[in-house]
């Protein structure tokens, strides 16, 4: 049901809740881990809208977008159009989600370990499979194949003439302990079949990696819920 047409009864605001039930006070006493995802999101929202409490608004958003991953995938404009969200609230939500993503990558004990092309693909598939523009990202790995960083290098057309291969390796060379990288880009059409351009670009990147002593472990093409490992298909790799 559309949030804007659903009739709901009066719901108390966070300020009207007993102190022991308010998300912010509960976080201070019990720690963030004691709160539900909706309660944590409600702290960012601060207030609800038109008789809907911040907690209930958070629950609706999580249901509407299928959880945090759906919120992360939703565009700024899409979230801003949702019931009760203005640019300030959307900015806070996007910032918090991005901080969580960066923490996951930066924490040595929590860094994802890549053991196969599938591991790498599943780390980005949900987000990159829904992008409306092409993006090229680098998954930078240490000697034990832990993810060090996942920078976005290009946005827009990835025509071979526009990609500067040396720029890709600049990210690897200035990242401490980087031993290898996986190139990842998406096809907004949803079809991950590599094009001739993709193969040509991969050949150039692999050759440059051999010269710079940075192993190019794979080039993944991401589509809608599908992906292709170019190394597995021996496209651009010898």
Protein backbone atom coordinates (compact mmCIF):
# COMPACT_ATOMS: atom_id res chain seq x y z
CA UNK A 1 0.00 0.00 0.00
CA UNK A 2 1.25 3.49 -0.78
CA UNK A 3 2.47 5.23 2.37
CA UNK A 4 0.81 8.45 1.27
CA UNK A 5 -2.69 6.95 1.14
CA UNK A 6 -2.54 4.53 4.09
CA UNK A 7 -4.70 5.54 7.04
CA UNK A 8 -3.04 5.02 10.41
CA UNK A 9 -4.04 5.81 13.96
CA UNK A 10 -2.10 8.16 16.18
CA UNK A 11 1.39 6.95 17.04
CA UNK A 12 3.41 8.52 19.87
CA UNK A 13 6.52 10.44 18.93
CA UNK A 14 9.87 9.42 20.40
CA UNK A 15 9.63 12.31 22.88
CA UNK A 16 6.29 10.98 24.09
CA UNK A 17 7.70 7.50 24.75
CA UNK A 18 8.78 6.53 28.27
CA UNK A 19 12.49 7.25 28.73
CA UNK A 20 13.31 3.53 28.92
CA UNK A 21 11.77 2.91 25.50
CA UNK A 22 13.38 5.76 23.55
CA UNK A 23 16.02 4.52 21.07
CA UNK A 24 18.65 7.15 21.90
CA UNK A 25 18.39 6.60 25.65
CA UNK A 26 18.41 2.81 25.21
CA UNK A 27 21.56 3.09 23.09
CA UNK A 28 23.27 5.12 25.81
CA UNK A 29 22.40 2.56 28.48
CA UNK A 30 22.61 -0.76 26.65
CA UNK A 31 24.80 -0.03 23.63
CA UNK A 32 23.98 0.16 19.92
CA UNK A 33 23.94 -3.63 19.55
CA UNK A 34 20.82 -3.79 21.74
CA UNK A 35 18.74 -1.76 19.28
CA UNK A 36 16.88 -3.06 16.27
CA UNK A 37 17.76 -1.82 12.79
CA UNK A 38 14.57 0.26 12.76
CA UNK A 39 15.49 1.90 16.07
CA UNK A 40 18.99 2.77 14.86
CA UNK A 41 17.53 4.26 11.69
CA UNK A 42 14.99 6.18 13.77
CA UNK A 43 17.84 7.90 15.64
CA UNK A 44 19.05 9.25 12.30
CA UNK A 45 15.55 10.32 11.28
CA UNK A 46 15.00 11.98 14.71
CA UNK A 47 11.34 12.81 14.07
CA UNK A 48 8.51 11.20 12.18
CA UNK A 49 5.87 12.84 10.03
CA UNK A 50 2.10 13.39 10.16
CA UNK A 51 1.32 11.19 13.14
CA UNK A 52 3.86 8.51 12.22
CA UNK A 53 6.68 8.08 14.74
CA UNK A 54 10.32 7.99 13.67
CA UNK A 55 10.50 4.29 14.60
CA UNK A 56 7.45 3.42 12.49
CA UNK A 57 8.73 5.56 9.63
CA UNK A 58 12.01 3.65 9.83
CA UNK A 59 10.15 0.32 9.78
CA UNK A 60 8.22 1.40 6.69
CA UNK A 61 11.39 2.44 4.89
CA UNK A 62 13.11 -0.87 5.67
CA UNK A 63 10.08 -2.81 4.47
CA UNK A 64 9.67 -0.68 1.35
CA UNK A 65 13.30 -1.06 0.25
CA UNK A 66 13.96 -4.57 1.53
CA UNK A 67 16.32 -3.66 4.39
CA UNK A 68 19.58 -1.76 4.60
CA UNK A 69 20.93 -3.15 1.34
CA UNK A 70 17.88 -1.77 -0.48
CA UNK A 71 18.32 1.62 1.15
CA UNK A 72 21.97 1.63 0.08
CA UNK A 73 20.98 0.83 -3.52
CA UNK A 74 18.23 3.44 -3.73
CA UNK A 75 19.22 6.70 -5.38
CA UNK A 76 19.20 10.00 -3.52
CA UNK A 77 16.25 11.28 -5.59
CA UNK A 78 14.28 8.07 -5.01
CA UNK A 79 14.70 8.29 -1.23
CA UNK A 80 13.94 12.00 -1.18
CA UNK A 81 10.63 11.23 -2.83
CA UNK A 82 9.69 8.73 -0.11
CA UNK A 83 7.08 9.75 2.46
CA UNK A 84 8.63 11.84 5.23
CA UNK A 85 12.15 12.21 3.86
CA UNK A 86 13.73 15.48 2.84
CA UNK A 87 17.26 16.11 1.54
CA UNK A 88 18.73 16.49 5.06
CA UNK A 89 17.43 13.10 6.23
CA UNK A 90 18.45 11.35 3.02
CA UNK A 91 21.94 12.82 3.36
CA UNK A 92 22.23 11.47 6.91
CA UNK A 93 21.07 8.01 5.88
CA UNK A 94 23.44 7.85 2.90
CA UNK A 95 26.36 9.08 5.01
CA UNK A 96 25.72 6.48 7.73
CA UNK A 97 25.46 3.63 5.23
CA UNK A 98 28.68 4.70 3.53
CA UNK A 99 30.50 4.90 6.86
CA UNK A 100 29.37 1.35 7.63
CA UNK A 101 30.64 0.14 4.25
CA UNK A 102 34.01 1.80 4.77
CA UNK A 103 34.34 0.41 8.29
CA UNK A 104 33.80 -3.10 6.96
CA UNK A 105 36.64 -2.63 4.49
CA UNK A 106 39.01 -0.83 6.85
CA UNK A 107 38.76 -3.13 9.87
CA UNK A 108 41.55 -5.76 9.55
CA UNK A 109 39.55 -8.39 11.42
CA UNK A 110 36.40 -7.79 9.39
CA UNK A 111 37.82 -7.36 5.91
CA UNK A 112 36.20 -9.76 3.44
CA UNK A 113 38.52 -12.42 2.07
CA UNK A 114 38.28 -13.27 -1.61
CA UNK A 115 38.75 -16.95 -2.39
CA UNK A 116 36.99 -17.09 -5.75
CA UNK A 117 35.42 -14.86 -8.41
CA UNK A 118 32.05 -15.55 -6.78
CA UNK A 119 33.25 -14.07 -3.47
CA UNK A 120 34.22 -10.85 -5.22
CA UNK A 121 31.05 -10.69 -7.32
CA UNK A 122 28.70 -11.24 -4.39
CA UNK A 123 30.37 -8.41 -2.50
CA UNK A 124 29.22 -5.87 -5.12
CA UNK A 125 26.41 -7.56 -7.05
CA UNK A 126 23.46 -6.17 -5.08
CA UNK A 127 24.62 -2.57 -5.47
CA UNK A 128 26.34 -2.52 -8.87
CA UNK A 129 23.69 -4.64 -10.53
CA UNK A 130 21.18 -1.84 -10.01
CA UNK A 131 23.30 1.10 -11.19
CA UNK A 132 21.90 3.13 -14.07
CA UNK A 133 25.35 4.29 -15.23
CA UNK A 134 28.47 2.33 -15.96
CA UNK A 135 31.06 2.36 -13.22
CA UNK A 136 34.54 0.90 -13.03
CA UNK A 137 35.78 -0.07 -9.58
CA UNK A 138 38.94 -1.70 -8.28
CA UNK A 139 38.94 -4.32 -5.55
CA UNK A 140 42.39 -3.93 -4.01
CA UNK A 141 43.71 -6.99 -2.17
CA UNK A 142 46.59 -7.79 0.17
CA UNK A 143 48.82 -10.89 -0.03
CA UNK A 144 46.15 -12.97 1.75
CA UNK A 145 43.39 -11.73 -0.57
CA UNK A 146 41.70 -9.54 2.04
CA UNK A 147 39.93 -6.49 0.60
CA UNK A 148 41.86 -3.31 1.36
CA UNK A 149 39.73 -0.85 -0.57
CA UNK A 150 37.07 -0.66 -3.27
CA UNK A 151 37.44 2.73 -5.00
CA UNK A 152 35.26 3.88 -7.89
CA UNK A 153 37.61 5.03 -10.66
CA UNK A 154 35.29 5.84 -13.58
CA UNK A 155 31.62 6.74 -13.90
CA UNK A 156 29.92 6.93 -17.28
CA UNK A 157 31.00 5.55 -20.65
CA UNK A 158 33.89 3.11 -20.34
CA UNK A 159 35.05 3.37 -23.93
CA UNK A 160 38.60 2.05 -24.23
CA UNK A 161 39.94 5.40 -25.42
CA UNK A 162 38.73 7.12 -22.23
CA UNK A 163 40.31 4.74 -19.72
CA UNK A 164 43.83 5.58 -18.63
CA UNK A 165 45.34 2.30 -17.51
CA UNK A 166 48.09 4.01 -15.53
CA UNK A 167 45.46 5.74 -13.41
CA UNK A 168 44.07 2.38 -12.31
CA UNK A 169 47.46 1.31 -10.97
CA UNK A 170 47.93 4.59 -9.15
CA UNK A 171 45.28 3.42 -6.70
CA UNK A 172 47.05 0.11 -6.17
CA UNK A 173 50.52 1.61 -5.78
CA UNK A 174 49.45 4.16 -3.18
CA UNK A 175 47.47 1.64 -1.10
CA UNK A 176 49.62 0.08 1.61
CA UNK A 177 50.15 -3.70 1.33
CA UNK A 178 48.29 -3.94 -1.99
CA UNK A 179 49.48 -7.04 -3.86
CA UNK A 180 46.77 -7.49 -6.45
CA UNK A 181 43.49 -6.18 -7.76
CA UNK A 182 40.25 -7.23 -9.36
CA UNK A 183 38.75 -4.90 -11.95
CA UNK A 184 34.96 -4.65 -11.79
CA UNK A 185 32.52 -2.82 -14.00
CA UNK A 186 28.79 -3.04 -14.62
CA UNK A 187 26.51 -3.16 -17.65
CA UNK A 188 23.38 -1.07 -16.95
CA UNK A 189 21.54 -3.13 -19.59
CA UNK A 190 21.62 -6.04 -17.13
CA UNK A 191 23.46 -8.34 -19.56
CA UNK A 192 26.97 -9.10 -18.24
CA UNK A 193 28.25 -10.55 -21.52
CA UNK A 194 31.72 -8.98 -22.10
CA UNK A 195 32.00 -6.78 -25.17
CA UNK A 196 34.98 -6.44 -27.49
CA UNK A 197 35.80 -3.20 -25.70
CA UNK A 198 35.81 -5.07 -22.38
CA UNK A 199 38.25 -7.65 -23.75
CA UNK A 200 40.53 -4.99 -25.22
CA UNK A 201 40.60 -3.00 -21.98
CA UNK A 202 41.33 -6.16 -19.98
CA UNK A 203 44.28 -7.07 -22.19
CA UNK A 204 45.80 -3.61 -21.66
CA UNK A 205 45.27 -3.73 -17.89
CA UNK A 206 46.77 -7.22 -17.55
CA UNK A 207 49.83 -6.21 -19.58
CA UNK A 208 50.34 -3.10 -17.45
CA UNK A 209 49.97 -5.14 -14.26
CA UNK A 210 52.79 -7.45 -15.33
CA UNK A 211 55.06 -4.44 -15.87
CA UNK A 212 54.16 -2.82 -12.53
CA UNK A 213 54.29 -6.05 -10.50
CA UNK A 214 50.65 -5.75 -9.46
CA UNK A 215 48.68 -8.90 -10.22
CA UNK A 216 45.42 -8.37 -12.06
CA UNK A 217 43.50 -11.31 -10.67
CA UNK A 218 40.28 -10.93 -12.63
CA UNK A 219 37.93 -8.58 -14.43
CA UNK A 220 34.28 -9.03 -13.43
CA UNK A 221 31.37 -7.75 -15.47
CA UNK A 222 28.26 -7.19 -13.36
CA UNK A 223 24.70 -7.39 -14.67
CA UNK A 224 21.29 -7.74 -13.01
CA UNK A 225 21.72 -10.63 -10.60
CA UNK A 226 24.32 -12.08 -12.98
CA UNK A 227 28.02 -11.65 -13.46
CA UNK A 228 30.88 -12.92 -15.62
CA UNK A 229 34.50 -13.64 -14.68
CA UNK A 230 36.63 -12.77 -17.68
CA UNK A 231 39.55 -14.79 -16.31
CA UNK A 232 37.37 -17.89 -16.09
CA UNK A 233 36.32 -17.36 -19.71
CA UNK A 234 39.91 -16.57 -20.70
CA UNK A 235 38.93 -13.23 -22.17
CA UNK A 236 41.80 -10.78 -22.02
CA UNK A 237 43.85 -13.18 -19.87
CA UNK A 238 46.49 -15.51 -21.29
